[in-house]
mmCIF file of all heavy atoms, coordinates in Angstrom:
data_MODEL
# 
_entry.id   MODEL 
# 
loop_
_atom_site.group_PDB 
_atom_site.id 
_atom_site.type_symbol 
_atom_site.label_atom_id 
_atom_site.label_alt_id 
_atom_site.label_comp_id 
_atom_site.label_asym_id 
_atom_site.label_entity_id 
_atom_site.label_seq_id 
_atom_site.pdbx_PDB_ins_code 
_atom_site.Cartn_x 
_atom_site.Cartn_y 
_atom_site.Cartn_z 
_atom_site.occupancy 
_atom_site.B_iso_or_equiv 
_atom_site.pdbx_formal_charge 
_atom_site.auth_seq_id 
_atom_site.auth_comp_id 
_atom_site.auth_asym_id 
_atom_site.auth_atom_id 
_atom_site.pdbx_PDB_model_num 
ATOM 1   N N   . LEU A 1 1  ? 107.461 104.411 92.324  1.00 0.00 ? 1  LEU A N   1 
ATOM 2   C CA  . LEU A 1 1  ? 107.155 104.976 90.992  1.00 0.00 ? 1  LEU A CA  1 
ATOM 3   C C   . LEU A 1 1  ? 108.349 105.766 90.407  1.00 0.00 ? 1  LEU A C   1 
ATOM 4   O O   . LEU A 1 1  ? 108.539 105.751 89.202  1.00 0.00 ? 1  LEU A O   1 
ATOM 5   C CB  . LEU A 1 1  ? 105.916 105.867 91.061  1.00 0.00 ? 1  LEU A CB  1 
ATOM 6   C CG  . LEU A 1 1  ? 104.585 105.145 91.305  1.00 0.00 ? 1  LEU A CG  1 
ATOM 7   C CD1 . LEU A 1 1  ? 103.468 106.163 91.548  1.00 0.00 ? 1  LEU A CD1 1 
ATOM 8   C CD2 . LEU A 1 1  ? 104.286 104.236 90.136  1.00 0.00 ? 1  LEU A CD2 1 
ATOM 9   N N   . ARG A 1 2  ? 109.157 106.379 91.251  1.00 0.00 ? 2  ARG A N   1 
ATOM 10  C CA  . ARG A 1 2  ? 110.317 107.092 90.755  1.00 0.00 ? 2  ARG A CA  1 
ATOM 11  C C   . ARG A 1 2  ? 111.479 106.153 90.393  1.00 0.00 ? 2  ARG A C   1 
ATOM 12  O O   . ARG A 1 2  ? 112.404 106.539 89.711  1.00 0.00 ? 2  ARG A O   1 
ATOM 13  C CB  . ARG A 1 2  ? 110.853 108.067 91.844  1.00 0.00 ? 2  ARG A CB  1 
ATOM 14  C CG  . ARG A 1 2  ? 110.024 109.303 91.958  1.00 0.00 ? 2  ARG A CG  1 
ATOM 15  C CD  . ARG A 1 2  ? 110.705 110.358 92.807  1.00 0.00 ? 2  ARG A CD  1 
ATOM 16  N NE  . ARG A 1 2  ? 111.052 109.875 94.155  1.00 0.00 ? 2  ARG A NE  1 
ATOM 17  C CZ  . ARG A 1 2  ? 110.314 110.023 95.222  1.00 0.00 ? 2  ARG A CZ  1 
ATOM 18  N NH1 . ARG A 1 2  ? 109.158 110.652 95.141  1.00 0.00 ? 2  ARG A NH1 1 
ATOM 19  N NH2 . ARG A 1 2  ? 110.727 109.571 96.397  1.00 0.00 ? 2  ARG A NH2 1 
ATOM 20  N N   . HIS A 1 3  ? 111.413 104.888 90.841  1.00 0.00 ? 3  HIS A N   1 
ATOM 21  C CA  . HIS A 1 3  ? 112.521 103.984 90.642  1.00 0.00 ? 3  HIS A CA  1 
ATOM 22  C C   . HIS A 1 3  ? 112.079 102.702 89.902  1.00 0.00 ? 3  HIS A C   1 
ATOM 23  O O   . HIS A 1 3  ? 112.513 101.583 90.261  1.00 0.00 ? 3  HIS A O   1 
ATOM 24  C CB  . HIS A 1 3  ? 113.158 103.605 92.003  1.00 0.00 ? 3  HIS A CB  1 
ATOM 25  C CG  . HIS A 1 3  ? 113.796 104.782 92.638  1.00 0.00 ? 3  HIS A CG  1 
ATOM 26  N ND1 . HIS A 1 3  ? 115.026 105.262 92.283  1.00 0.00 ? 3  HIS A ND1 1 
ATOM 27  C CD2 . HIS A 1 3  ? 113.342 105.655 93.589  1.00 0.00 ? 3  HIS A CD2 1 
ATOM 28  C CE1 . HIS A 1 3  ? 115.307 106.351 93.014  1.00 0.00 ? 3  HIS A CE1 1 
ATOM 29  N NE2 . HIS A 1 3  ? 114.297 106.603 93.790  1.00 0.00 ? 3  HIS A NE2 1 
ATOM 30  N N   . GLY A 1 4  ? 111.311 102.853 88.860  1.00 0.00 ? 4  GLY A N   1 
ATOM 31  C CA  . GLY A 1 4  ? 110.980 101.769 87.969  1.00 0.00 ? 4  GLY A CA  1 
ATOM 32  C C   . GLY A 1 4  ? 109.656 101.090 88.182  1.00 0.00 ? 4  GLY A C   1 
ATOM 33  O O   . GLY A 1 4  ? 109.285 100.244 87.378  1.00 0.00 ? 4  GLY A O   1 
ATOM 34  N N   . GLY A 1 5  ? 108.939 101.392 89.224  1.00 0.00 ? 5  GLY A N   1 
ATOM 35  C CA  . GLY A 1 5  ? 107.616 100.814 89.422  1.00 0.00 ? 5  GLY A CA  1 
ATOM 36  C C   . GLY A 1 5  ? 106.618 101.432 88.490  1.00 0.00 ? 5  GLY A C   1 
ATOM 37  O O   . GLY A 1 5  ? 106.825 102.514 87.932  1.00 0.00 ? 5  GLY A O   1 
ATOM 38  N N   . LYS A 1 6  ? 105.538 100.718 88.253  1.00 0.00 ? 6  LYS A N   1 
ATOM 39  C CA  . LYS A 1 6  ? 104.477 101.271 87.393  1.00 0.00 ? 6  LYS A CA  1 
ATOM 40  C C   . LYS A 1 6  ? 103.131 100.859 87.905  1.00 0.00 ? 6  LYS A C   1 
ATOM 41  O O   . LYS A 1 6  ? 102.982 99.831  88.582  1.00 0.00 ? 6  LYS A O   1 
ATOM 42  C CB  . LYS A 1 6  ? 104.640 100.811 85.940  1.00 0.00 ? 6  LYS A CB  1 
ATOM 43  C CG  . LYS A 1 6  ? 104.477 99.313  85.762  1.00 0.00 ? 6  LYS A CG  1 
ATOM 44  C CD  . LYS A 1 6  ? 104.622 98.922  84.312  1.00 0.00 ? 6  LYS A CD  1 
ATOM 45  C CE  . LYS A 1 6  ? 104.370 97.414  84.175  1.00 0.00 ? 6  LYS A CE  1 
ATOM 46  N NZ  . LYS A 1 6  ? 104.329 97.015  82.781  1.00 0.00 ? 6  LYS A NZ  1 
ATOM 47  N N   . GLU A 1 7  ? 102.116 101.663 87.643  1.00 0.00 ? 7  GLU A N   1 
ATOM 48  C CA  . GLU A 1 7  ? 100.784 101.355 88.015  1.00 0.00 ? 7  GLU A CA  1 
ATOM 49  C C   . GLU A 1 7  ? 100.163 100.399 86.981  1.00 0.00 ? 7  GLU A C   1 
ATOM 50  O O   . GLU A 1 7  ? 100.412 100.523 85.787  1.00 0.00 ? 7  GLU A O   1 
ATOM 51  C CB  . GLU A 1 7  ? 99.934  102.618 88.102  1.00 0.00 ? 7  GLU A CB  1 
ATOM 52  C CG  . GLU A 1 7  ? 100.325 103.518 89.249  1.00 0.00 ? 7  GLU A CG  1 
ATOM 53  C CD  . GLU A 1 7  ? 99.367  104.682 89.434  1.00 0.00 ? 7  GLU A CD  1 
ATOM 54  O OE1 . GLU A 1 7  ? 98.125  104.495 89.271  1.00 0.00 ? 7  GLU A OE1 1 
ATOM 55  O OE2 . GLU A 1 7  ? 99.832  105.758 89.716  1.00 0.00 ? 7  GLU A OE2 1 
ATOM 56  N N   . VAL A 1 8  ? 99.443  99.438  87.480  1.00 0.00 ? 8  VAL A N   1 
ATOM 57  C CA  . VAL A 1 8  ? 98.707  98.505  86.610  1.00 0.00 ? 8  VAL A CA  1 
ATOM 58  C C   . VAL A 1 8  ? 97.285  98.399  87.096  1.00 0.00 ? 8  VAL A C   1 
ATOM 59  O O   . VAL A 1 8  ? 96.994  98.641  88.281  1.00 0.00 ? 8  VAL A O   1 
ATOM 60  C CB  . VAL A 1 8  ? 99.366  97.082  86.593  1.00 0.00 ? 8  VAL A CB  1 
ATOM 61  C CG1 . VAL A 1 8  ? 100.756 97.125  86.042  1.00 0.00 ? 8  VAL A CG1 1 
ATOM 62  C CG2 . VAL A 1 8  ? 99.339  96.442  87.961  1.00 0.00 ? 8  VAL A CG2 1 
ATOM 63  N N   . PRO A 1 9  ? 96.331  98.042  86.237  1.00 0.00 ? 9  PRO A N   1 
ATOM 64  C CA  . PRO A 1 9  ? 94.967  97.822  86.682  1.00 0.00 ? 9  PRO A CA  1 
ATOM 65  C C   . PRO A 1 9  ? 94.871  96.738  87.705  1.00 0.00 ? 9  PRO A C   1 
ATOM 66  O O   . PRO A 1 9  ? 95.704  95.788  87.704  1.00 0.00 ? 9  PRO A O   1 
ATOM 67  C CB  . PRO A 1 9  ? 94.220  97.451  85.405  1.00 0.00 ? 9  PRO A CB  1 
ATOM 68  C CG  . PRO A 1 9  ? 95.102  97.884  84.264  1.00 0.00 ? 9  PRO A CG  1 
ATOM 69  C CD  . PRO A 1 9  ? 96.492  97.839  84.788  1.00 0.00 ? 9  PRO A CD  1 
ATOM 70  N N   . ARG A 1 10 ? 93.913  96.773  88.561  1.00 0.00 ? 10 ARG A N   1 
ATOM 71  C CA  . ARG A 1 10 ? 93.719  95.721  89.566  1.00 0.00 ? 10 ARG A CA  1 
ATOM 72  C C   . ARG A 1 10 ? 93.660  94.343  88.960  1.00 0.00 ? 10 ARG A C   1 
ATOM 73  O O   . ARG A 1 10 ? 94.116  93.369  89.525  1.00 0.00 ? 10 ARG A O   1 
ATOM 74  C CB  . ARG A 1 10 ? 92.421  96.012  90.351  1.00 0.00 ? 10 ARG A CB  1 
ATOM 75  C CG  . ARG A 1 10 ? 92.608  96.143  91.787  1.00 0.00 ? 10 ARG A CG  1 
ATOM 76  C CD  . ARG A 1 10 ? 91.336  96.240  92.552  1.00 0.00 ? 10 ARG A CD  1 
ATOM 77  N NE  . ARG A 1 10 ? 90.234  96.889  91.840  1.00 0.00 ? 10 ARG A NE  1 
ATOM 78  C CZ  . ARG A 1 10 ? 89.167  97.332  92.433  1.00 0.00 ? 10 ARG A CZ  1 
ATOM 79  N NH1 . ARG A 1 10 ? 89.009  97.194  93.696  1.00 0.00 ? 10 ARG A NH1 1 
ATOM 80  N NH2 . ARG A 1 10 ? 88.205  97.891  91.719  1.00 0.00 ? 10 ARG A NH2 1 
ATOM 81  N N   . THR A 1 11 ? 93.030  94.254  87.760  1.00 0.00 ? 11 THR A N   1 
ATOM 82  C CA  . THR A 1 11 ? 92.895  92.955  87.121  1.00 0.00 ? 11 THR A CA  1 
ATOM 83  C C   . THR A 1 11 ? 94.208  92.362  86.662  1.00 0.00 ? 11 THR A C   1 
ATOM 84  O O   . THR A 1 11 ? 94.284  91.191  86.346  1.00 0.00 ? 11 THR A O   1 
ATOM 85  C CB  . THR A 1 11 ? 91.977  93.081  85.892  1.00 0.00 ? 11 THR A CB  1 
ATOM 86  O OG1 . THR A 1 11 ? 92.508  94.084  85.015  1.00 0.00 ? 11 THR A OG1 1 
ATOM 87  C CG2 . THR A 1 11 ? 90.573  93.466  86.306  1.00 0.00 ? 11 THR A CG2 1 
ATOM 88  N N   . GLU A 1 12 ? 95.298  93.141  86.658  1.00 0.00 ? 12 GLU A N   1 
ATOM 89  C CA  . GLU A 1 12 ? 96.600  92.669  86.244  1.00 0.00 ? 12 GLU A CA  1 
ATOM 90  C C   . GLU A 1 12 ? 97.573  92.471  87.415  1.00 0.00 ? 12 GLU A C   1 
ATOM 91  O O   . GLU A 1 12 ? 98.751  92.178  87.213  1.00 0.00 ? 12 GLU A O   1 
ATOM 92  C CB  . GLU A 1 12 ? 97.226  93.659  85.229  1.00 0.00 ? 12 GLU A CB  1 
ATOM 93  C CG  . GLU A 1 12 ? 96.501  93.712  83.905  1.00 0.00 ? 12 GLU A CG  1 
ATOM 94  C CD  . GLU A 1 12 ? 97.092  94.685  82.943  1.00 0.00 ? 12 GLU A CD  1 
ATOM 95  O OE1 . GLU A 1 12 ? 98.292  94.997  83.069  1.00 0.00 ? 12 GLU A OE1 1 
ATOM 96  O OE2 . GLU A 1 12 ? 96.346  95.157  82.035  1.00 0.00 ? 12 GLU A OE2 1 
ATOM 97  N N   . ALA A 1 13 ? 97.064  92.620  88.623  1.00 0.00 ? 13 ALA A N   1 
ATOM 98  C CA  . ALA A 1 13 ? 97.913  92.437  89.813  1.00 0.00 ? 13 ALA A CA  1 
ATOM 99  C C   . ALA A 1 13 ? 98.277  90.996  90.006  1.00 0.00 ? 13 ALA A C   1 
ATOM 100 O O   . ALA A 1 13 ? 97.466  90.104  89.765  1.00 0.00 ? 13 ALA A O   1 
ATOM 101 C CB  . ALA A 1 13 ? 97.224  92.968  91.034  1.00 0.00 ? 13 ALA A CB  1 
ATOM 102 N N   . HIS A 1 14 ? 99.521  90.732  90.404  1.00 0.00 ? 14 HIS A N   1 
ATOM 103 C CA  . HIS A 1 14 ? 100.015 89.377  90.634  1.00 0.00 ? 14 HIS A CA  1 
ATOM 104 C C   . HIS A 1 14 ? 100.589 89.264  92.063  1.00 0.00 ? 14 HIS A C   1 
ATOM 105 O O   . HIS A 1 14 ? 100.921 90.293  92.659  1.00 0.00 ? 14 HIS A O   1 
ATOM 106 C CB  . HIS A 1 14 ? 101.135 89.052  89.658  1.00 0.00 ? 14 HIS A CB  1 
ATOM 107 C CG  . HIS A 1 14 ? 100.744 89.056  88.224  1.00 0.00 ? 14 HIS A CG  1 
ATOM 108 N ND1 . HIS A 1 14 ? 99.566  88.569  87.745  1.00 0.00 ? 14 HIS A ND1 1 
ATOM 109 C CD2 . HIS A 1 14 ? 101.393 89.513  87.126  1.00 0.00 ? 14 HIS A CD2 1 
ATOM 110 C CE1 . HIS A 1 14 ? 99.497  88.716  86.442  1.00 0.00 ? 14 HIS A CE1 1 
ATOM 111 N NE2 . HIS A 1 14 ? 100.598 89.322  86.045  1.00 0.00 ? 14 HIS A NE2 1 
ATOM 112 N N   . PRO A 1 15 ? 100.683 88.033  92.579  1.00 0.00 ? 15 PRO A N   1 
ATOM 113 C CA  . PRO A 1 15 ? 101.293 87.871  93.887  1.00 0.00 ? 15 PRO A CA  1 
ATOM 114 C C   . PRO A 1 15 ? 102.674 88.536  93.944  1.00 0.00 ? 15 PRO A C   1 
ATOM 115 O O   . PRO A 1 15 ? 103.444 88.449  93.005  1.00 0.00 ? 15 PRO A O   1 
ATOM 116 C CB  . PRO A 1 15 ? 101.392 86.332  94.063  1.00 0.00 ? 15 PRO A CB  1 
ATOM 117 C CG  . PRO A 1 15 ? 100.247 85.839  93.247  1.00 0.00 ? 15 PRO A CG  1 
ATOM 118 C CD  . PRO A 1 15 ? 100.190 86.740  92.044  1.00 0.00 ? 15 PRO A CD  1 
ATOM 119 N N   . GLY A 1 16 ? 102.885 89.260  95.016  1.00 0.00 ? 16 GLY A N   1 
ATOM 120 C CA  . GLY A 1 16 ? 104.146 90.011  95.189  1.00 0.00 ? 16 GLY A CA  1 
ATOM 121 C C   . GLY A 1 16 ? 104.005 91.482  94.853  1.00 0.00 ? 16 GLY A C   1 
ATOM 122 O O   . GLY A 1 16 ? 104.785 92.294  95.281  1.00 0.00 ? 16 GLY A O   1 
ATOM 123 N N   . ASP A 1 17 ? 102.973 91.845  94.076  1.00 0.00 ? 17 ASP A N   1 
ATOM 124 C CA  . ASP A 1 17 ? 102.737 93.244  93.776  1.00 0.00 ? 17 ASP A CA  1 
ATOM 125 C C   . ASP A 1 17 ? 102.241 93.971  95.040  1.00 0.00 ? 17 ASP A C   1 
ATOM 126 O O   . ASP A 1 17 ? 101.716 93.350  95.950  1.00 0.00 ? 17 ASP A O   1 
ATOM 127 C CB  . ASP A 1 17 ? 101.680 93.391  92.660  1.00 0.00 ? 17 ASP A CB  1 
ATOM 128 C CG  . ASP A 1 17 ? 102.183 92.953  91.290  1.00 0.00 ? 17 ASP A CG  1 
ATOM 129 O OD1 . ASP A 1 17 ? 103.399 92.801  91.137  1.00 0.00 ? 17 ASP A OD1 1 
ATOM 130 O OD2 . ASP A 1 17 ? 101.344 92.881  90.383  1.00 0.00 ? 17 ASP A OD2 1 
ATOM 131 N N   . ILE A 1 18 ? 102.406 95.284  95.052  1.00 0.00 ? 18 ILE A N   1 
ATOM 132 C CA  . ILE A 1 18 ? 101.918 96.071  96.183  1.00 0.00 ? 18 ILE A CA  1 
ATOM 133 C C   . ILE A 1 18 ? 100.686 96.865  95.728  1.00 0.00 ? 18 ILE A C   1 
ATOM 134 O O   . ILE A 1 18 ? 100.740 97.539  94.671  1.00 0.00 ? 18 ILE A O   1 
ATOM 135 C CB  . ILE A 1 18 ? 103.002 97.004  96.710  1.00 0.00 ? 18 ILE A CB  1 
ATOM 136 C CG1 . ILE A 1 18 ? 104.222 96.201  97.131  1.00 0.00 ? 18 ILE A CG1 1 
ATOM 137 C CG2 . ILE A 1 18 ? 102.475 97.879  97.871  1.00 0.00 ? 18 ILE A CG2 1 
ATOM 138 C CD1 . ILE A 1 18 ? 105.412 97.058  97.540  1.00 0.00 ? 18 ILE A CD1 1 
ATOM 139 N N   . VAL A 1 19 ? 99.632  96.809  96.492  1.00 0.00 ? 19 VAL A N   1 
ATOM 140 C CA  . VAL A 1 19 ? 98.438  97.554  96.216  1.00 0.00 ? 19 VAL A CA  1 
ATOM 141 C C   . VAL A 1 19 ? 98.402  98.744  97.194  1.00 0.00 ? 19 VAL A C   1 
ATOM 142 O O   . VAL A 1 19 ? 98.628  98.580  98.397  1.00 0.00 ? 19 VAL A O   1 
ATOM 143 C CB  . VAL A 1 19 ? 97.168  96.703  96.460  1.00 0.00 ? 19 VAL A CB  1 
ATOM 144 C CG1 . VAL A 1 19 ? 95.874  97.502  96.252  1.00 0.00 ? 19 VAL A CG1 1 
ATOM 145 C CG2 . VAL A 1 19 ? 97.193  95.470  95.525  1.00 0.00 ? 19 VAL A CG2 1 
ATOM 146 N N   . PHE A 1 20 ? 98.161  99.933  96.677  1.00 0.00 ? 20 PHE A N   1 
ATOM 147 C CA  . PHE A 1 20 ? 98.045  101.134 97.502  1.00 0.00 ? 20 PHE A CA  1 
ATOM 148 C C   . PHE A 1 20 ? 96.588  101.593 97.501  1.00 0.00 ? 20 PHE A C   1 
ATOM 149 O O   . PHE A 1 20 ? 95.917  101.574 96.468  1.00 0.00 ? 20 PHE A O   1 
ATOM 150 C CB  . PHE A 1 20 ? 98.947  102.248 96.953  1.00 0.00 ? 20 PHE A CB  1 
ATOM 151 C CG  . PHE A 1 20 ? 100.405 101.930 97.077  1.00 0.00 ? 20 PHE A CG  1 
ATOM 152 C CD1 . PHE A 1 20 ? 101.116 101.350 96.043  1.00 0.00 ? 20 PHE A CD1 1 
ATOM 153 C CD2 . PHE A 1 20 ? 101.075 102.186 98.271  1.00 0.00 ? 20 PHE A CD2 1 
ATOM 154 C CE1 . PHE A 1 20 ? 102.449 101.049 96.152  1.00 0.00 ? 20 PHE A CE1 1 
ATOM 155 C CE2 . PHE A 1 20 ? 102.410 101.865 98.408  1.00 0.00 ? 20 PHE A CE2 1 
ATOM 156 C CZ  . PHE A 1 20 ? 103.099 101.308 97.347  1.00 0.00 ? 20 PHE A CZ  1 
ATOM 157 N N   . TYR A 1 21 ? 96.127  101.980 98.700  1.00 0.00 ? 21 TYR A N   1 
ATOM 158 C CA  . TYR A 1 21 ? 94.772  102.430 98.857  1.00 0.00 ? 21 TYR A CA  1 
ATOM 159 C C   . TYR A 1 21 ? 94.727  103.952 99.032  1.00 0.00 ? 21 TYR A C   1 
ATOM 160 O O   . TYR A 1 21 ? 95.459  104.507 99.851  1.00 0.00 ? 21 TYR A O   1 
ATOM 161 C CB  . TYR A 1 21 ? 94.148  101.783 100.085 1.00 0.00 ? 21 TYR A CB  1 
ATOM 162 C CG  . TYR A 1 21 ? 94.035  100.290 99.961  1.00 0.00 ? 21 TYR A CG  1 
ATOM 163 C CD1 . TYR A 1 21 ? 95.049  99.468  100.390 1.00 0.00 ? 21 TYR A CD1 1 
ATOM 164 C CD2 . TYR A 1 21 ? 92.887  99.734  99.413  1.00 0.00 ? 21 TYR A CD2 1 
ATOM 165 C CE1 . TYR A 1 21 ? 94.950  98.068  100.245 1.00 0.00 ? 21 TYR A CE1 1 
ATOM 166 C CE2 . TYR A 1 21 ? 92.791  98.344  99.283  1.00 0.00 ? 21 TYR A CE2 1 
ATOM 167 C CZ  . TYR A 1 21 ? 93.814  97.543  99.679  1.00 0.00 ? 21 TYR A CZ  1 
ATOM 168 O OH  . TYR A 1 21 ? 93.734  96.190  99.532  1.00 0.00 ? 21 TYR A OH  1 
ATOM 169 N N   . GLU A 1 22 ? 93.895  104.603 98.196  1.00 0.00 ? 22 GLU A N   1 
ATOM 170 C CA  . GLU A 1 22 ? 93.767  106.052 98.234  1.00 0.00 ? 22 GLU A CA  1 
ATOM 171 C C   . GLU A 1 22 ? 92.435  106.412 98.903  1.00 0.00 ? 22 GLU A C   1 
ATOM 172 O O   . GLU A 1 22 ? 91.434  105.735 98.713  1.00 0.00 ? 22 GLU A O   1 
ATOM 173 C CB  . GLU A 1 22 ? 93.798  106.647 96.842  1.00 0.00 ? 22 GLU A CB  1 
ATOM 174 C CG  . GLU A 1 22 ? 95.153  106.536 96.165  1.00 0.00 ? 22 GLU A CG  1 
ATOM 175 C CD  . GLU A 1 22 ? 95.185  107.162 94.790  1.00 0.00 ? 22 GLU A CD  1 
ATOM 176 O OE1 . GLU A 1 22 ? 94.160  107.716 94.343  1.00 0.00 ? 22 GLU A OE1 1 
ATOM 177 O OE2 . GLU A 1 22 ? 96.252  107.106 94.174  1.00 0.00 ? 22 GLU A OE2 1 
ATOM 178 N N   . GLN A 1 23 ? 92.460  107.483 99.677  1.00 0.00 ? 23 GLN A N   1 
ATOM 179 C CA  . GLN A 1 23 ? 91.275  108.028 100.312 1.00 0.00 ? 23 GLN A CA  1 
ATOM 180 C C   . GLN A 1 23 ? 90.336  108.572 99.229  1.00 0.00 ? 23 GLN A C   1 
ATOM 181 O O   . GLN A 1 23 ? 90.724  109.298 98.340  1.00 0.00 ? 23 GLN A O   1 
ATOM 182 C CB  . GLN A 1 23 ? 91.621  109.149 101.287 1.00 0.00 ? 23 GLN A CB  1 
ATOM 183 C CG  . GLN A 1 23 ? 90.476  109.703 102.069 1.00 0.00 ? 23 GLN A CG  1 
ATOM 184 C CD  . GLN A 1 23 ? 89.899  108.695 103.017 1.00 0.00 ? 23 GLN A CD  1 
ATOM 185 O OE1 . GLN A 1 23 ? 90.566  107.808 103.505 1.00 0.00 ? 23 GLN A OE1 1 
ATOM 186 N NE2 . GLN A 1 23 ? 88.620  108.830 103.310 1.00 0.00 ? 23 GLN A NE2 1 
ATOM 187 N N   . VAL A 1 24 ? 89.060  108.186 99.293  1.00 0.00 ? 24 VAL A N   1 
ATOM 188 C CA  . VAL A 1 24 ? 88.106  108.677 98.323  1.00 0.00 ? 24 VAL A CA  1 
ATOM 189 C C   . VAL A 1 24 ? 87.064  109.615 98.895  1.00 0.00 ? 24 VAL A C   1 
ATOM 190 O O   . VAL A 1 24 ? 86.575  110.481 98.196  1.00 0.00 ? 24 VAL A O   1 
ATOM 191 C CB  . VAL A 1 24 ? 87.390  107.496 97.592  1.00 0.00 ? 24 VAL A CB  1 
ATOM 192 C CG1 . VAL A 1 24 ? 88.370  106.722 96.746  1.00 0.00 ? 24 VAL A CG1 1 
ATOM 193 C CG2 . VAL A 1 24 ? 86.668  106.577 98.559  1.00 0.00 ? 24 VAL A CG2 1 
ATOM 194 N N   . ALA A 1 25 ? 86.725  109.474 100.156 1.00 0.00 ? 25 ALA A N   1 
ATOM 195 C CA  . ALA A 1 25 ? 85.703  110.332 100.786 1.00 0.00 ? 25 ALA A CA  1 
ATOM 196 C C   . ALA A 1 25 ? 86.320  111.449 101.604 1.00 0.00 ? 25 ALA A C   1 
ATOM 197 O O   . ALA A 1 25 ? 87.344  111.221 102.249 1.00 0.00 ? 25 ALA A O   1 
ATOM 198 C CB  . ALA A 1 25 ? 84.801  109.466 101.664 1.00 0.00 ? 25 ALA A CB  1 
ATOM 199 N N   . PRO A 1 26 ? 85.708  112.598 101.610 1.00 0.00 ? 26 PRO A N   1 
ATOM 200 C CA  . PRO A 1 26 ? 86.204  113.673 102.471 1.00 0.00 ? 26 PRO A CA  1 
ATOM 201 C C   . PRO A 1 26 ? 85.765  113.415 103.917 1.00 0.00 ? 26 PRO A C   1 
ATOM 202 O O   . PRO A 1 26 ? 84.974  112.526 104.195 1.00 0.00 ? 26 PRO A O   1 
ATOM 203 C CB  . PRO A 1 26 ? 85.489  114.929 101.916 1.00 0.00 ? 26 PRO A CB  1 
ATOM 204 C CG  . PRO A 1 26 ? 84.226  114.413 101.285 1.00 0.00 ? 26 PRO A CG  1 
ATOM 205 C CD  . PRO A 1 26 ? 84.568  113.006 100.779 1.00 0.00 ? 26 PRO A CD  1 
ATOM 206 N N   . GLY A 1 27 ? 86.300  114.228 104.821 1.00 0.00 ? 27 GLY A N   1 
ATOM 207 C CA  . GLY A 1 27 ? 85.845  114.211 106.203 1.00 0.00 ? 27 GLY A CA  1 
ATOM 208 C C   . GLY A 1 27 ? 86.707  113.355 107.108 1.00 0.00 ? 27 GLY A C   1 
ATOM 209 O O   . GLY A 1 27 ? 86.286  113.053 108.222 1.00 0.00 ? 27 GLY A O   1 
ATOM 210 N N   . THR A 1 28 ? 87.914  112.948 106.675 1.00 0.00 ? 28 THR A N   1 
ATOM 211 C CA  . THR A 1 28 ? 88.813  112.227 107.556 1.00 0.00 ? 28 THR A CA  1 
ATOM 212 C C   . THR A 1 28 ? 90.109  113.006 107.613 1.00 0.00 ? 28 THR A C   1 
ATOM 213 O O   . THR A 1 28 ? 90.283  114.017 106.960 1.00 0.00 ? 28 THR A O   1 
ATOM 214 C CB  . THR A 1 28 ? 89.108  110.808 107.015 1.00 0.00 ? 28 THR A CB  1 
ATOM 215 O OG1 . THR A 1 28 ? 89.807  110.933 105.770 1.00 0.00 ? 28 THR A OG1 1 
ATOM 216 C CG2 . THR A 1 28 ? 87.793  110.048 106.763 1.00 0.00 ? 28 THR A CG2 1 
# 
């Protein structure tokens, strides 16, 4: 993100893109 990357909606993801998973539930 600091070097030219940008977030896009999941529906706009293409092969080669990187998907990052964020923790949503507490307790881990």
